[in-house]
C-alpha atoms as a PDB file:
ATOM      1  CA  MET A   1     -50.095   0.294  43.342  1.00  0.00           C
ATOM      2  CA  PRO A   2     -52.326   3.361  42.931  1.00  0.00           C
ATOM      3  CA  SER A   3     -53.641   4.819  46.166  1.00  0.00           C
ATOM      4  CA  ASN A   4     -57.247   4.761  44.986  1.00  0.00           C
ATOM      5  CA  THR A   5     -59.291   3.476  42.068  1.00  0.00           C
ATOM      6  CA  VAL A   6     -60.339   6.296  39.768  1.00  0.00           C
ATOM      7  CA  ILE A   7     -60.986   4.346  36.559  1.00  0.00           C
ATOM      8  CA  ALA A   8     -64.057   2.103  36.312  1.00  0.00           C
ATOM      9  CA  VAL A   9     -63.890  -0.745  33.809  1.00  0.00           C
ATOM     10  CA  SER A  10     -66.773  -2.935  32.688  1.00  0.00           C
ATOM     11  CA  THR A  11     -67.426  -5.327  29.832  1.00  0.00           C
ATOM     12  CA  GLU A  12     -70.720  -6.292  28.237  1.00  0.00           C
ATOM     13  CA  ASP A  13     -70.449  -8.908  25.520  1.00  0.00           C
ATOM     14  CA  THR A  14     -67.346  -7.713  23.627  1.00  0.00           C
ATOM     15  CA  VAL A  15     -67.685  -3.995  24.385  1.00  0.00           C
ATOM     16  CA  ARG A  16     -65.258  -2.679  27.006  1.00  0.00           C
ATOM     17  CA  THR A  17     -66.260   0.557  28.752  1.00  0.00           C
ATOM     18  CA  ILE A  18     -63.495   2.563  30.433  1.00  0.00           C
ATOM     19  CA  ARG A  19     -64.870   5.342  32.615  1.00  0.00           C
ATOM     20  CA  LEU A  20     -62.933   8.193  34.204  1.00  0.00           C
ATOM     21  CA  ASP A  21     -64.387   8.192  37.712  1.00  0.00           C
ATOM     22  CA  ARG A  22     -63.349  11.353  39.568  1.00  0.00           C
ATOM     23  CA  PRO A  23     -66.613  13.311  39.306  1.00  0.00           C
ATOM     24  CA  THR A  24     -65.816  15.690  42.181  1.00  0.00           C
ATOM     25  CA  ARG A  25     -62.661  16.727  40.288  1.00  0.00           C
ATOM     26  CA  LEU A  26     -64.421  16.770  36.888  1.00  0.00           C
ATOM     27  CA  ASN A  27     -62.456  13.650  35.937  1.00  0.00           C
ATOM     28  CA  SER A  28     -59.205  15.593  35.879  1.00  0.00           C
ATOM     29  CA  LEU A  29     -56.065  13.540  35.470  1.00  0.00           C
ATOM     30  CA  ASP A  30     -53.771  13.054  38.431  1.00  0.00           C
ATOM     31  CA  LEU A  31     -50.975  10.486  38.546  1.00  0.00           C
ATOM     32  CA  ASP A  32     -53.301   7.684  39.656  1.00  0.00           C
ATOM     33  CA  ALA A  33     -55.803   8.431  36.906  1.00  0.00           C
ATOM     34  CA  LYS A  34     -53.175   8.519  34.171  1.00  0.00           C
ATOM     35  CA  ALA A  35     -51.551   5.279  35.313  1.00  0.00           C
ATOM     36  CA  GLN A  36     -54.848   3.448  35.682  1.00  0.00           C
ATOM     37  CA  LEU A  37     -56.195   4.756  32.377  1.00  0.00           C
ATOM     38  CA  LEU A  38     -53.094   3.631  30.501  1.00  0.00           C
ATOM     39  CA  ALA A  39     -53.271   0.188  32.090  1.00  0.00           C
ATOM     40  CA  ALA A  40     -56.955  -0.131  31.213  1.00  0.00           C
ATOM     41  CA  LEU A  41     -56.414   0.964  27.607  1.00  0.00           C
ATOM     42  CA  ARG A  42     -53.482  -1.391  27.119  1.00  0.00           C
ATOM     43  CA  GLU A  43     -55.415  -4.312  28.574  1.00  0.00           C
ATOM     44  CA  ALA A  44     -58.361  -3.567  26.277  1.00  0.00           C
ATOM     45  CA  ALA A  45     -56.034  -3.307  23.269  1.00  0.00           C
ATOM     46  CA  GLU A  46     -54.477  -6.688  24.010  1.00  0.00           C
ATOM     47  CA  SER A  47     -57.579  -8.628  25.067  1.00  0.00           C
ATOM     48  CA  PRO A  48     -58.929 -10.940  22.350  1.00  0.00           C
ATOM     49  CA  ASP A  49     -62.333 -10.781  24.046  1.00  0.00           C
ATOM     50  CA  VAL A  50     -62.672  -7.014  23.463  1.00  0.00           C
ATOM     51  CA  ARG A  51     -63.804  -5.892  20.012  1.00  0.00           C
ATOM     52  CA  ALA A  52     -64.811  -2.278  20.710  1.00  0.00           C
ATOM     53  CA  VAL A  53     -63.932   0.232  23.431  1.00  0.00           C
ATOM     54  CA  VAL A  54     -65.941   3.096  24.896  1.00  0.00           C
ATOM     55  CA  LEU A  55     -64.151   5.899  26.760  1.00  0.00           C
ATOM     56  CA  THR A  56     -66.326   8.167  28.904  1.00  0.00           C
ATOM     57  CA  GLY A  57     -66.571  10.013  32.205  1.00  0.00           C
ATOM     58  CA  THR A  58     -68.721  10.014  35.314  1.00  0.00           C
ATOM     59  CA  GLY A  59     -70.843  13.037  36.200  1.00  0.00           C
ATOM     60  CA  ARG A  60     -70.936  16.364  34.382  1.00  0.00           C
ATOM     61  CA  ALA A  61     -67.522  16.147  32.714  1.00  0.00           C
ATOM     62  CA  PHE A  62     -65.839  13.874  30.219  1.00  0.00           C
ATOM     63  CA  CYS A  63     -62.406  15.057  31.357  1.00  0.00           C
ATOM     64  CA  VAL A  64     -60.989  18.517  32.051  1.00  0.00           C
ATOM     65  CA  GLY A  65     -57.368  17.473  31.541  1.00  0.00           C
ATOM     66  CA  GLN A  66     -54.534  17.727  34.015  1.00  0.00           C
ATOM     67  CA  ASP A  67     -55.468  18.061  37.684  1.00  0.00           C
ATOM     68  CA  LEU A  68     -54.131  21.574  38.238  1.00  0.00           C
ATOM     69  CA  ARG A  69     -54.232  21.128  41.990  1.00  0.00           C
ATOM     70  CA  GLU A  70     -51.623  18.397  41.604  1.00  0.00           C
ATOM     71  CA  ALA A  71     -49.746  20.383  38.941  1.00  0.00           C
ATOM     72  CA  ARG A  72     -49.359  23.341  41.291  1.00  0.00           C
ATOM     73  CA  SER A  73     -47.194  21.260  43.614  1.00  0.00           C
ATOM     74  CA  ALA A  74     -45.223  19.589  40.820  1.00  0.00           C
ATOM     75  CA  GLU A  75     -41.952  20.628  39.254  1.00  0.00           C
ATOM     76  CA  VAL A  76     -42.015  23.041  36.329  1.00  0.00           C
ATOM     77  CA  GLY A  77     -39.962  23.604  33.164  1.00  0.00           C
ATOM     78  CA  PRO A  78     -38.120  20.579  31.743  1.00  0.00           C
ATOM     79  CA  ALA A  79     -39.827  18.249  34.221  1.00  0.00           C
ATOM     80  CA  MET A  80     -43.157  19.080  32.604  1.00  0.00           C
ATOM     81  CA  GLY A  81     -41.858  17.854  29.270  1.00  0.00           C
ATOM     82  CA  ASP A  82     -40.772  14.603  30.876  1.00  0.00           C
ATOM     83  CA  ALA A  83     -44.241  14.221  32.399  1.00  0.00           C
ATOM     84  CA  VAL A  84     -45.841  14.632  28.976  1.00  0.00           C
ATOM     85  CA  ARG A  85     -43.489  12.065  27.451  1.00  0.00           C
ATOM     86  CA  GLU A  86     -43.994   9.533  30.226  1.00  0.00           C
ATOM     87  CA  GLN A  87     -47.640  10.032  31.205  1.00  0.00           C
ATOM     88  CA  TYR A  88     -49.597  11.525  28.301  1.00  0.00           C
ATOM     89  CA  ASN A  89     -47.872  10.400  25.118  1.00  0.00           C
ATOM     90  CA  PRO A  90     -48.394   6.686  25.868  1.00  0.00           C
ATOM     91  CA  LEU A  91     -52.132   7.312  26.268  1.00  0.00           C
ATOM     92  CA  VAL A  92     -52.355   8.921  22.831  1.00  0.00           C
ATOM     93  CA  ARG A  93     -50.273   6.232  21.151  1.00  0.00           C
ATOM     94  CA  THR A  94     -52.392   3.489  22.687  1.00  0.00           C
ATOM     95  CA  LEU A  95     -55.660   5.077  21.542  1.00  0.00           C
ATOM     96  CA  LEU A  96     -54.453   5.840  18.012  1.00  0.00           C
ATOM     97  CA  THR A  97     -52.811   2.457  17.446  1.00  0.00           C
ATOM     98  CA  MET A  98     -55.328   0.220  19.221  1.00  0.00           C
ATOM     99  CA  PRO A  99     -56.277  -2.496  16.695  1.00  0.00           C
ATOM    100  CA  LYS A 100     -59.983  -2.087  17.390  1.00  0.00           C
ATOM    101  CA  PRO A 101     -62.423   0.842  17.266  1.00  0.00           C
ATOM    102  CA  VAL A 102     -62.568   3.314  20.166  1.00  0.00           C
ATOM    103  CA  LEU A 103     -65.608   5.495  20.750  1.00  0.00           C
ATOM    104  CA  ALA A 104     -65.582   8.530  23.036  1.00  0.00           C
ATOM    105  CA  ALA A 105     -68.901   9.122  24.784  1.00  0.00           C
ATOM    106  CA  VAL A 106     -68.550  12.815  25.586  1.00  0.00           C
ATOM    107  CA  ASN A 107     -70.967  13.213  28.477  1.00  0.00           C
ATOM    108  CA  GLY A 108     -69.945  16.752  29.483  1.00  0.00           C
ATOM    109  CA  VAL A 109     -67.095  19.216  29.276  1.00  0.00           C
ATOM    110  CA  ALA A 110     -63.915  18.068  27.525  1.00  0.00           C
ATOM    111  CA  ALA A 111     -61.017  20.459  28.085  1.00  0.00           C
ATOM    112  CA  GLY A 112     -57.264  20.509  27.546  1.00  0.00           C
ATOM    113  CA  ALA A 113     -55.827  17.007  27.651  1.00  0.00           C
ATOM    114  CA  GLY A 114     -59.368  15.702  28.113  1.00  0.00           C
ATOM    115  CA  LEU A 115     -60.287  17.069  24.685  1.00  0.00           C
ATOM    116  CA  SER A 116     -57.044  15.662  23.320  1.00  0.00           C
ATOM    117  CA  LEU A 117     -58.005  12.185  24.537  1.00  0.00           C
ATOM    118  CA  ALA A 118     -61.430  12.456  22.916  1.00  0.00           C
ATOM    119  CA  LEU A 119     -59.847  13.508  19.612  1.00  0.00           C
ATOM    120  CA  ALA A 120     -57.525  10.496  19.727  1.00  0.00           C
ATOM    121  CA  CYS A 121     -60.562   8.202  19.700  1.00  0.00           C
ATOM    122  CA  ASP A 122     -61.998   7.000  16.391  1.00  0.00           C
ATOM    123  CA  PHE A 123     -65.538   8.267  16.981  1.00  0.00           C
ATOM    124  CA  ARG A 124     -67.089  10.878  19.260  1.00  0.00           C
ATOM    125  CA  ILE A 125     -70.745  10.819  20.251  1.00  0.00           C
ATOM    126  CA  ALA A 126     -71.664  13.734  22.511  1.00  0.00           C
ATOM    127  CA  ALA A 127     -74.505  14.716  24.773  1.00  0.00           C
ATOM    128  CA  ALA A 128     -76.287  17.907  23.686  1.00  0.00           C
ATOM    129  CA  SER A 129     -75.043  19.650  26.837  1.00  0.00           C
ATOM    130  CA  ALA A 130     -71.397  18.728  26.198  1.00  0.00           C
ATOM    131  CA  THR A 131     -68.867  21.487  25.590  1.00  0.00           C
ATOM    132  CA  LEU A 132     -65.211  21.563  24.678  1.00  0.00           C
ATOM    133  CA  THR A 133     -62.264  23.922  24.880  1.00  0.00           C
ATOM    134  CA  THR A 134     -58.585  23.539  24.110  1.00  0.00           C
ATOM    135  CA  ALA A 135     -57.722  25.464  27.313  1.00  0.00           C
ATOM    136  CA  PHE A 136     -53.920  25.209  27.030  1.00  0.00           C
ATOM    137  CA  ALA A 137     -53.100  28.792  26.017  1.00  0.00           C
ATOM    138  CA  GLY A 138     -55.537  30.051  28.615  1.00  0.00           C
ATOM    139  CA  ILE A 139     -53.139  28.907  31.337  1.00  0.00           C
ATOM    140  CA  GLY A 140     -49.996  29.913  29.450  1.00  0.00           C
ATOM    141  CA  LEU A 141     -49.065  26.494  28.125  1.00  0.00           C
ATOM    142  CA  SER A 142     -48.417  24.914  24.756  1.00  0.00           C
ATOM    143  CA  CYS A 143     -50.629  22.025  23.682  1.00  0.00           C
ATOM    144  CA  ASP A 144     -50.059  18.357  24.406  1.00  0.00           C
ATOM    145  CA  THR A 145     -51.595  14.885  24.449  1.00  0.00           C
ATOM    146  CA  GLY A 146     -51.500  14.670  20.665  1.00  0.00           C
ATOM    147  CA  ILE A 147     -53.853  17.554  19.898  1.00  0.00           C
ATOM    148  CA  SER A 148     -51.279  19.218  17.604  1.00  0.00           C
ATOM    149  CA  TRP A 149     -51.525  16.061  15.459  1.00  0.00           C
ATOM    150  CA  THR A 150     -55.224  15.249  15.675  1.00  0.00           C
ATOM    151  CA  LEU A 151     -56.923  18.660  15.687  1.00  0.00           C
ATOM    152  CA  PRO A 152     -55.556  20.030  12.357  1.00  0.00           C
ATOM    153  CA  ARG A 153     -56.384  16.722  10.692  1.00  0.00           C
ATOM    154  CA  ILE A 154     -59.998  17.025  11.821  1.00  0.00           C
ATOM    155  CA  VAL A 155     -60.741  20.747  11.359  1.00  0.00           C
ATOM    156  CA  GLY A 156     -57.863  22.026   9.208  1.00  0.00           C
ATOM    157  CA  ARG A 157     -54.835  24.126  10.114  1.00  0.00           C
ATOM    158  CA  ALA A 158     -56.525  27.543  10.264  1.00  0.00           C
ATOM    159  CA  THR A 159     -59.393  26.450  12.512  1.00  0.00           C
ATOM    160  CA  ALA A 160     -56.993  24.478  14.697  1.00  0.00           C
ATOM    161  CA  PHE A 161     -54.904  27.611  15.261  1.00  0.00           C
ATOM    162  CA  ASP A 162     -58.040  29.585  16.058  1.00  0.00           C
ATOM    163  CA  LEU A 163     -59.197  27.056  18.646  1.00  0.00           C
ATOM    164  CA  LEU A 164     -55.742  26.692  20.175  1.00  0.00           C
ATOM    165  CA  LEU A 165     -54.610  30.329  20.233  1.00  0.00           C
ATOM    166  CA  ARG A 166     -57.985  31.784  21.188  1.00  0.00           C
ATOM    167  CA  PRO A 167     -59.433  29.113  23.465  1.00  0.00           C
ATOM    168  CA  ARG A 168     -63.169  29.416  24.019  1.00  0.00           C
ATOM    169  CA  VAL A 169     -66.072  27.215  24.953  1.00  0.00           C
ATOM    170  CA  VAL A 170     -67.498  25.400  21.914  1.00  0.00           C
ATOM    171  CA  ASP A 171     -70.960  23.933  22.334  1.00  0.00           C
ATOM    172  CA  ALA A 172     -72.006  20.560  20.992  1.00  0.00           C
ATOM    173  CA  GLU A 173     -73.767  21.833  17.870  1.00  0.00           C
ATOM    174  CA  GLU A 174     -70.797  23.933  16.777  1.00  0.00           C
ATOM    175  CA  ALA A 175     -68.455  21.041  17.522  1.00  0.00           C
ATOM    176  CA  LEU A 176     -70.634  18.818  15.331  1.00  0.00           C
ATOM    177  CA  GLY A 177     -70.441  21.355  12.515  1.00  0.00           C
ATOM    178  CA  LEU A 178     -66.660  21.500  12.802  1.00  0.00           C
ATOM    179  CA  GLY A 179     -66.397  17.715  12.634  1.00  0.00           C
ATOM    180  CA  LEU A 180     -65.140  17.410  16.215  1.00  0.00           C
ATOM    181  CA  PHE A 181     -68.179  15.300  17.118  1.00  0.00           C
ATOM    182  CA  ASN A 182     -69.619  12.608  14.851  1.00  0.00           C
ATOM    183  CA  GLN A 183     -73.026  12.716  16.473  1.00  0.00           C
ATOM    184  CA  VAL A 184     -74.873  14.779  19.089  1.00  0.00           C
ATOM    185  CA  VAL A 185     -77.800  13.286  20.980  1.00  0.00           C
ATOM    186  CA  ALA A 186     -80.098  14.274  23.819  1.00  0.00           C
ATOM    187  CA  ASP A 187     -78.380  13.899  27.177  1.00  0.00           C
ATOM    188  CA  GLU A 188     -80.778  11.191  28.309  1.00  0.00           C
ATOM    189  CA  ASN A 189     -80.142   9.184  25.122  1.00  0.00           C
ATOM    190  CA  LEU A 190     -76.338   9.256  25.197  1.00  0.00           C
ATOM    191  CA  GLU A 191     -75.810   5.905  26.883  1.00  0.00           C
ATOM    192  CA  ALA A 192     -78.252   4.089  24.607  1.00  0.00           C
ATOM    193  CA  GLU A 193     -76.893   5.678  21.425  1.00  0.00           C
ATOM    194  CA  VAL A 194     -73.307   4.909  22.384  1.00  0.00           C
ATOM    195  CA  ARG A 195     -74.261   1.355  23.266  1.00  0.00           C
ATOM    196  CA  THR A 196     -75.919   0.856  19.872  1.00  0.00           C
ATOM    197  CA  ALA A 197     -72.888   2.219  18.009  1.00  0.00           C
ATOM    198  CA  ALA A 198     -70.419   0.218  20.092  1.00  0.00           C
ATOM    199  CA  VAL A 199     -72.330  -3.043  19.635  1.00  0.00           C
ATOM    200  CA  GLN A 200     -72.441  -2.447  15.882  1.00  0.00           C
ATOM    201  CA  LEU A 201     -68.688  -1.879  15.785  1.00  0.00           C
ATOM    202  CA  ALA A 202     -68.021  -4.885  18.011  1.00  0.00           C
ATOM    203  CA  ALA A 203     -69.942  -7.078  15.576  1.00  0.00           C
ATOM    204  CA  GLY A 204     -67.770  -5.956  12.683  1.00  0.00           C
ATOM    205  CA  PRO A 205     -64.512  -7.313  11.188  1.00  0.00           C
ATOM    206  CA  THR A 206     -62.162  -6.346  14.017  1.00  0.00           C
ATOM    207  CA  ARG A 207     -58.950  -7.161  12.162  1.00  0.00           C
ATOM    208  CA  ALA A 208     -60.078  -5.062   9.209  1.00  0.00           C
ATOM    209  CA  PHE A 209     -60.872  -2.135  11.518  1.00  0.00           C
ATOM    210  CA  GLY A 210     -57.398  -2.361  13.046  1.00  0.00           C
ATOM    211  CA  ALA A 211     -55.779  -2.557   9.620  1.00  0.00           C
ATOM    212  CA  ILE A 212     -57.724   0.486   8.404  1.00  0.00           C
ATOM    213  CA  LYS A 213     -56.587   2.453  11.462  1.00  0.00           C
ATOM    214  CA  THR A 214     -53.001   1.426  10.757  1.00  0.00           C
ATOM    215  CA  ALA A 215     -53.201   2.465   7.105  1.00  0.00           C
ATOM    216  CA  VAL A 216     -54.867   5.824   7.764  1.00  0.00           C
ATOM    217  CA  THR A 217     -52.490   6.762  10.592  1.00  0.00           C
ATOM    218  CA  PHE A 218     -49.461   5.735   8.543  1.00  0.00           C
ATOM    219  CA  ALA A 219     -50.638   7.647   5.482  1.00  0.00           C
ATOM    220  CA  ALA A 220     -50.919  10.883   7.473  1.00  0.00           C
ATOM    221  CA  GLU A 221     -47.131  11.191   7.499  1.00  0.00           C
ATOM    222  CA  SER A 222     -45.996   9.174   4.507  1.00  0.00           C
ATOM    223  CA  THR A 223     -45.354   9.532   0.801  1.00  0.00           C
ATOM    224  CA  LEU A 224     -47.891   8.209  -1.677  1.00  0.00           C
ATOM    225  CA  ASP A 225     -45.714   5.213  -2.522  1.00  0.00           C
ATOM    226  CA  ALA A 226     -45.236   4.350   1.141  1.00  0.00           C
ATOM    227  CA  ALA A 227     -48.968   4.673   1.803  1.00  0.00           C
ATOM    228  CA  LEU A 228     -49.753   2.388  -1.136  1.00  0.00           C
ATOM    229  CA  GLU A 229     -47.308  -0.206   0.173  1.00  0.00           C
ATOM    230  CA  CYS A 230     -48.852  -0.009   3.637  1.00  0.00           C
ATOM    231  CA  GLU A 231     -52.281  -0.570   2.090  1.00  0.00           C
ATOM    232  CA  ALA A 232     -50.966  -3.631   0.255  1.00  0.00           C
ATOM    233  CA  GLU A 233     -49.528  -5.018   3.497  1.00  0.00           C
ATOM    234  CA  GLN A 234     -52.788  -4.489   5.347  1.00  0.00           C
ATOM    235  CA  ILE A 235     -54.808  -6.073   2.532  1.00  0.00           C
ATOM    236  CA  ALA A 236     -52.532  -9.123   2.741  1.00  0.00           C
ATOM    237  CA  HIS A 237     -53.029  -9.210   6.514  1.00  0.00           C
ATOM    238  CA  THR A 238     -56.811  -8.993   6.346  1.00  0.00           C
ATOM    239  CA  GLY A 239     -57.057 -11.198   3.276  1.00  0.00           C
ATOM    240  CA  ALA A 240     -55.721 -14.046   5.400  1.00  0.00           C
ATOM    241  CA  SER A 241     -58.369 -13.508   8.095  1.00  0.00           C
ATOM    242  CA  GLU A 242     -61.312 -15.760   8.855  1.00  0.00           C
ATOM    243  CA  ASP A 243     -63.628 -12.763   8.575  1.00  0.00           C
ATOM    244  CA  TYR A 244     -62.663 -12.194   4.948  1.00  0.00           C
ATOM    245  CA  GLY A 245     -63.484 -15.801   4.065  1.00  0.00           C
ATOM    246  CA  VAL A 246     -66.780 -15.587   5.916  1.00  0.00           C
ATOM    247  CA  ALA A 247     -67.706 -12.333   4.179  1.00  0.00           C
ATOM    248  CA  LEU A 248     -66.728 -13.620   0.744  1.00  0.00           C
ATOM    249  CA  ASN A 249     -68.873 -16.732   1.134  1.00  0.00           C
ATOM    250  CA  ALA A 250     -71.759 -14.693   2.500  1.00  0.00           C
ATOM    251  CA  PHE A 251     -71.585 -12.332  -0.478  1.00  0.00           C
ATOM    252  CA  LEU A 252     -71.625 -15.188  -2.983  1.00  0.00           C
ATOM    253  CA  GLU A 253     -74.490 -16.843  -1.100  1.00  0.00           C
ATOM    254  CA  LYS A 254     -76.424 -13.554  -0.839  1.00  0.00           C
ATOM    255  CA  ARG A 255     -76.602 -13.439   2.962  1.00  0.00           C
ATOM    256  CA  MET A 256     -75.249 -11.216   5.699  1.00  0.00           C
ATOM    257  CA  PRO A 257     -71.849 -12.207   7.127  1.00  0.00           C
ATOM    258  CA  VAL A 258     -71.382 -12.935  10.822  1.00  0.00           C
ATOM    259  CA  PHE A 259     -67.940 -11.682  11.798  1.00  0.00           C
ATOM    260  CA  THR A 260     -65.934 -13.156  14.677  1.00  0.00           C
ATOM    261  CA  GLY A 261     -63.077 -10.662  14.736  1.00  0.00           C
ATOM    262  CA  ARG A 262     -60.556 -13.277  13.625  1.00  0.00           C
END
């Protein structure tokens, strides 16, 4: 059992909010935080009562990545690679493969692995005061937590190298221009804007959202023929869903569909 609770989880209707709750440590990730976050994400992914997920932080940071105070006392070299494989990689896989939409509410600074987690979400809505930095090279490390996969796909290879090799603080407006944020709102409006977006997603065709995520992620590393086959498989999967039947009838009857996520 973790020694203390550092992840706050709440559910309103079908929206699950997972909040990193170590504000005095800028929501940095120690062993407890990583274990609790993974458990919370997996539970949200598997729960039939959850149709959209919000990931955010408490206080003035979203997440600044690894707790360097803990890292200083940890083993180095090969053991660090094992830690990435065992503690960080499962977080990224769970976010990227979760069969429902995940929205990062970036309430403050997102750095290192914290930025990586935000980039693994499907949407990012940020407060105007939020900033980001890749951070890794600044402490003499390579990158991790999936950012080598997500960042070039969002901003392109050249800009990804620039941000990774010359880490700097990027403000919210620049991040929006680079495509790292989908939306930037006034700090005081962040919670309401995120809530509106999450409720809209939660009311959508959940199985279709999951299938789209599967197809897009698969296509990123596949041949054209393989991607086309994956699309066909996902169409077959969603074509057998209740939501498709509901939407088809609603279209023919000229009314708005009410999706149930089934």
